[in-house]
Amino acid sequence: MIVVDAMVIADLLLAERGRAPSAAVLEADPLWAVPFLWRSEVANVLATRVRHGERTLESVLECFAKAARLLKEKEHPVAHDRVLRACAASRCTAYDCEYVVLAETLGVPLVTGDRQVLDAFPGLAVTPEAFVRRGR
């Protein structure tokens, strides 16, 4: 099991079939865990693609439905006091720290491409490429 952040999910949804680093992550470990926040973050990424004319509304609705199926029953609550403590210690956003706290709580890696999170939590956070290379 791993925790993945919204950008890993969005990468899986928006990349060409099988060409995304997140596709390799999913193949390496299909047991993904996410905080409930993922829905709002991924919806925002998809809405931005529509606003910029990169995707149609219909295509992003399909993408979101695919993600909801993939992550069904994989959503977890997080302790917000721990999120705030992680924010204060790292200067990362509360959004990012939800993923961090979930990974800490579950005792699993956090797969992310977010440089600030990777730098602030080096023992916990790993890039998609590094996760795949190390074979879980």
C-alpha atoms as a PDB file:
ATOM      1  CA  MET A   1       0.000   0.000   0.000  1.00  0.00           C
ATOM      2  CA  ILE A   2       1.091   3.566  -0.749  1.00  0.00           C
ATOM      3  CA  VAL A   3      -0.361   7.042  -0.444  1.00  0.00           C
ATOM      4  CA  VAL A   4      -0.458   9.010  -3.699  1.00  0.00           C
ATOM      5  CA  ASP A   5      -1.122  12.712  -4.025  1.00  0.00           C
ATOM      6  CA  ALA A   6      -3.482  14.500  -6.400  1.00  0.00           C
ATOM      7  CA  MET A   7      -0.815  15.126  -9.016  1.00  0.00           C
ATOM      8  CA  VAL A   8      -0.048  11.407  -9.280  1.00  0.00           C
ATOM      9  CA  ILE A   9      -3.759  10.732  -9.725  1.00  0.00           C
ATOM     10  CA  ALA A  10      -4.139  13.536 -12.283  1.00  0.00           C
ATOM     11  CA  ASP A  11      -1.060  12.315 -14.155  1.00  0.00           C
ATOM     12  CA  LEU A  12      -2.631   8.868 -14.438  1.00  0.00           C
ATOM     13  CA  LEU A  13      -5.898  10.332 -15.720  1.00  0.00           C
ATOM     14  CA  LEU A  14      -4.515  12.873 -18.180  1.00  0.00           C
ATOM     15  CA  ALA A  15      -1.456  11.213 -19.707  1.00  0.00           C
ATOM     16  CA  GLU A  16      -1.487   9.165 -22.844  1.00  0.00           C
ATOM     17  CA  ARG A  17      -2.285   5.533 -22.155  1.00  0.00           C
ATOM     18  CA  GLY A  18       0.556   3.830 -20.308  1.00  0.00           C
ATOM     19  CA  ARG A  19       2.998   6.711 -20.763  1.00  0.00           C
ATOM     20  CA  ALA A  20       2.640   8.343 -17.355  1.00  0.00           C
ATOM     21  CA  PRO A  21       5.015   7.644 -14.476  1.00  0.00           C
ATOM     22  CA  SER A  22       1.889   7.130 -12.364  1.00  0.00           C
ATOM     23  CA  ALA A  23       0.845   4.208 -14.588  1.00  0.00           C
ATOM     24  CA  ALA A  24       4.074   2.466 -13.622  1.00  0.00           C
ATOM     25  CA  VAL A  25       3.378   3.300  -9.955  1.00  0.00           C
ATOM     26  CA  LEU A  26      -0.083   1.749 -10.222  1.00  0.00           C
ATOM     27  CA  GLU A  27       1.414  -1.347 -11.811  1.00  0.00           C
ATOM     28  CA  ALA A  28       4.072  -1.591  -9.074  1.00  0.00           C
ATOM     29  CA  ASP A  29       1.532  -1.150  -6.257  1.00  0.00           C
ATOM     30  CA  PRO A  30      -2.194  -0.959  -7.032  1.00  0.00           C
ATOM     31  CA  LEU A  31      -3.129  -0.503  -3.371  1.00  0.00           C
ATOM     32  CA  TRP A  32      -3.435   3.274  -3.266  1.00  0.00           C
ATOM     33  CA  ALA A  33      -4.654   5.237  -0.253  1.00  0.00           C
ATOM     34  CA  VAL A  34      -5.770   8.863  -0.312  1.00  0.00           C
ATOM     35  CA  PRO A  35      -7.286  11.461   2.014  1.00  0.00           C
ATOM     36  CA  PHE A  36     -10.783  12.650   1.104  1.00  0.00           C
ATOM     37  CA  LEU A  37      -9.180  15.883  -0.096  1.00  0.00           C
ATOM     38  CA  TRP A  38      -8.083  14.170  -3.330  1.00  0.00           C
ATOM     39  CA  ARG A  39     -11.520  14.795  -4.847  1.00  0.00           C
ATOM     40  CA  SER A  40     -11.304  18.577  -4.637  1.00  0.00           C
ATOM     41  CA  GLU A  41      -7.697  18.710  -5.764  1.00  0.00           C
ATOM     42  CA  VAL A  42      -8.194  16.451  -8.771  1.00  0.00           C
ATOM     43  CA  ALA A  43     -11.415  18.248  -9.697  1.00  0.00           C
ATOM     44  CA  ASN A  44      -9.462  21.510  -9.681  1.00  0.00           C
ATOM     45  CA  VAL A  45      -6.758  20.097 -11.977  1.00  0.00           C
ATOM     46  CA  LEU A  46      -9.421  18.795 -14.368  1.00  0.00           C
ATOM     47  CA  ALA A  47     -11.399  22.062 -14.296  1.00  0.00           C
ATOM     48  CA  THR A  48      -8.217  23.971 -15.152  1.00  0.00           C
ATOM     49  CA  ARG A  49      -7.742  21.778 -18.232  1.00  0.00           C
ATOM     50  CA  VAL A  50     -11.295  22.643 -19.343  1.00  0.00           C
ATOM     51  CA  ARG A  51     -10.786  26.376 -18.736  1.00  0.00           C
ATOM     52  CA  HIS A  52      -7.596  26.328 -20.809  1.00  0.00           C
ATOM     53  CA  GLY A  53      -9.310  24.475 -23.640  1.00  0.00           C
ATOM     54  CA  GLU A  54      -7.092  21.415 -23.244  1.00  0.00           C
ATOM     55  CA  ARG A  55      -9.960  19.037 -22.423  1.00  0.00           C
ATOM     56  CA  THR A  56     -13.707  18.960 -22.858  1.00  0.00           C
ATOM     57  CA  LEU A  57     -16.063  18.885 -19.912  1.00  0.00           C
ATOM     58  CA  GLU A  58     -17.263  15.449 -20.994  1.00  0.00           C
ATOM     59  CA  SER A  59     -13.715  14.056 -21.042  1.00  0.00           C
ATOM     60  CA  VAL A  60     -12.870  15.364 -17.569  1.00  0.00           C
ATOM     61  CA  LEU A  61     -16.131  14.029 -16.196  1.00  0.00           C
ATOM     62  CA  GLU A  62     -15.094  10.620 -17.524  1.00  0.00           C
ATOM     63  CA  CYS A  63     -11.639  11.066 -15.991  1.00  0.00           C
ATOM     64  CA  PHE A  64     -13.090  11.924 -12.602  1.00  0.00           C
ATOM     65  CA  ALA A  65     -15.454   8.950 -12.710  1.00  0.00           C
ATOM     66  CA  LYS A  66     -12.496   6.694 -13.532  1.00  0.00           C
ATOM     67  CA  ALA A  67     -10.562   8.057 -10.545  1.00  0.00           C
ATOM     68  CA  ALA A  68     -13.568   7.624  -8.257  1.00  0.00           C
ATOM     69  CA  ARG A  69     -13.809   3.967  -9.311  1.00  0.00           C
ATOM     70  CA  LEU A  70     -10.074   3.438  -8.815  1.00  0.00           C
ATOM     71  CA  LEU A  71     -10.100   5.014  -5.365  1.00  0.00           C
ATOM     72  CA  LYS A  72     -13.399   3.600  -4.134  1.00  0.00           C
ATOM     73  CA  GLU A  73     -13.002   2.465  -0.537  1.00  0.00           C
ATOM     74  CA  LYS A  74      -9.405   3.753  -0.483  1.00  0.00           C
ATOM     75  CA  GLU A  75     -10.204   7.116   1.095  1.00  0.00           C
ATOM     76  CA  HIS A  76      -9.129   7.751   4.673  1.00  0.00           C
ATOM     77  CA  PRO A  77      -9.696  10.508   7.223  1.00  0.00           C
ATOM     78  CA  VAL A  78      -6.717  12.378   8.643  1.00  0.00           C
ATOM     79  CA  ALA A  79      -6.145  13.979  12.032  1.00  0.00           C
ATOM     80  CA  HIS A  80      -6.151  17.703  11.370  1.00  0.00           C
ATOM     81  CA  ASP A  81      -4.150  18.525  14.477  1.00  0.00           C
ATOM     82  CA  ARG A  82      -1.366  16.407  12.978  1.00  0.00           C
ATOM     83  CA  VAL A  83      -1.824  18.151   9.621  1.00  0.00           C
ATOM     84  CA  LEU A  84      -1.353  21.538  11.272  1.00  0.00           C
ATOM     85  CA  ARG A  85       1.724  20.310  13.150  1.00  0.00           C
ATOM     86  CA  ALA A  86       3.221  18.973   9.911  1.00  0.00           C
ATOM     87  CA  CYS A  87       2.523  22.335   8.246  1.00  0.00           C
ATOM     88  CA  ALA A  88       4.245  24.232  11.036  1.00  0.00           C
ATOM     89  CA  ALA A  89       7.263  21.924  10.962  1.00  0.00           C
ATOM     90  CA  SER A  90       7.650  21.870   7.184  1.00  0.00           C
ATOM     91  CA  ARG A  91       6.072  25.031   5.801  1.00  0.00           C
ATOM     92  CA  CYS A  92       4.187  22.823   3.317  1.00  0.00           C
ATOM     93  CA  THR A  93       0.510  23.518   2.652  1.00  0.00           C
ATOM     94  CA  ALA A  94      -2.239  21.884   4.667  1.00  0.00           C
ATOM     95  CA  TYR A  95      -3.340  20.197   1.450  1.00  0.00           C
ATOM     96  CA  ASP A  96       0.073  18.583   1.022  1.00  0.00           C
ATOM     97  CA  CYS A  97       0.291  17.684   4.679  1.00  0.00           C
ATOM     98  CA  GLU A  98      -2.958  15.715   4.517  1.00  0.00           C
ATOM     99  CA  TYR A  99      -1.163  13.245   2.251  1.00  0.00           C
ATOM    100  CA  VAL A 100       1.910  13.312   4.513  1.00  0.00           C
ATOM    101  CA  VAL A 101      -0.095  12.599   7.659  1.00  0.00           C
ATOM    102  CA  LEU A 102      -2.020   9.799   5.976  1.00  0.00           C
ATOM    103  CA  ALA A 103       1.222   8.151   4.845  1.00  0.00           C
ATOM    104  CA  GLU A 104       2.671   8.503   8.362  1.00  0.00           C
ATOM    105  CA  THR A 105      -0.505   7.107   9.917  1.00  0.00           C
ATOM    106  CA  LEU A 106      -0.572   4.100   7.604  1.00  0.00           C
ATOM    107  CA  GLY A 107       3.199   3.609   7.786  1.00  0.00           C
ATOM    108  CA  VAL A 108       3.590   3.629   4.008  1.00  0.00           C
ATOM    109  CA  PRO A 109       5.440   5.769   1.445  1.00  0.00           C
ATOM    110  CA  LEU A 110       3.939   8.909  -0.044  1.00  0.00           C
ATOM    111  CA  VAL A 111       4.413   8.991  -3.814  1.00  0.00           C
ATOM    112  CA  THR A 112       4.536  12.579  -5.065  1.00  0.00           C
ATOM    113  CA  GLY A 113       6.265  14.815  -7.537  1.00  0.00           C
ATOM    114  CA  ASP A 114       5.985  17.832  -5.250  1.00  0.00           C
ATOM    115  CA  ARG A 115       9.539  19.058  -4.654  1.00  0.00           C
ATOM    116  CA  GLN A 116       8.679  20.901  -1.438  1.00  0.00           C
ATOM    117  CA  VAL A 117       7.113  17.760   0.072  1.00  0.00           C
ATOM    118  CA  LEU A 118       9.995  15.601  -1.134  1.00  0.00           C
ATOM    119  CA  ASP A 119      12.501  17.970   0.496  1.00  0.00           C
ATOM    120  CA  ALA A 120      10.536  18.348   3.750  1.00  0.00           C
ATOM    121  CA  PHE A 121       9.796  14.643   4.231  1.00  0.00           C
ATOM    122  CA  PRO A 122      12.715  12.730   2.679  1.00  0.00           C
ATOM    123  CA  GLY A 123      12.165   9.540   4.662  1.00  0.00           C
ATOM    124  CA  LEU A 124       8.527   9.356   3.693  1.00  0.00           C
ATOM    125  CA  ALA A 125       8.041  10.997   0.305  1.00  0.00           C
ATOM    126  CA  VAL A 126       9.383   9.523  -2.915  1.00  0.00           C
ATOM    127  CA  THR A 127       8.996  10.457  -6.577  1.00  0.00           C
ATOM    128  CA  PRO A 128       7.002   8.147  -8.848  1.00  0.00           C
ATOM    129  CA  GLU A 129      10.156   7.313 -10.791  1.00  0.00           C
ATOM    130  CA  ALA A 130      12.141   6.458  -7.646  1.00  0.00           C
ATOM    131  CA  PHE A 131       9.279   4.359  -6.296  1.00  0.00           C
ATOM    132  CA  VAL A 132       9.140   2.302  -9.481  1.00  0.00           C
ATOM    133  CA  ARG A 133      12.941   1.960  -9.645  1.00  0.00           C
ATOM    134  CA  ARG A 134      13.217   0.632  -6.135  1.00  0.00           C
ATOM    135  CA  GLY A 135      10.496  -1.931  -6.824  1.00  0.00           C
ATOM    136  CA  ARG A 136       8.156  -0.888  -4.048  1.00  0.00           C
END
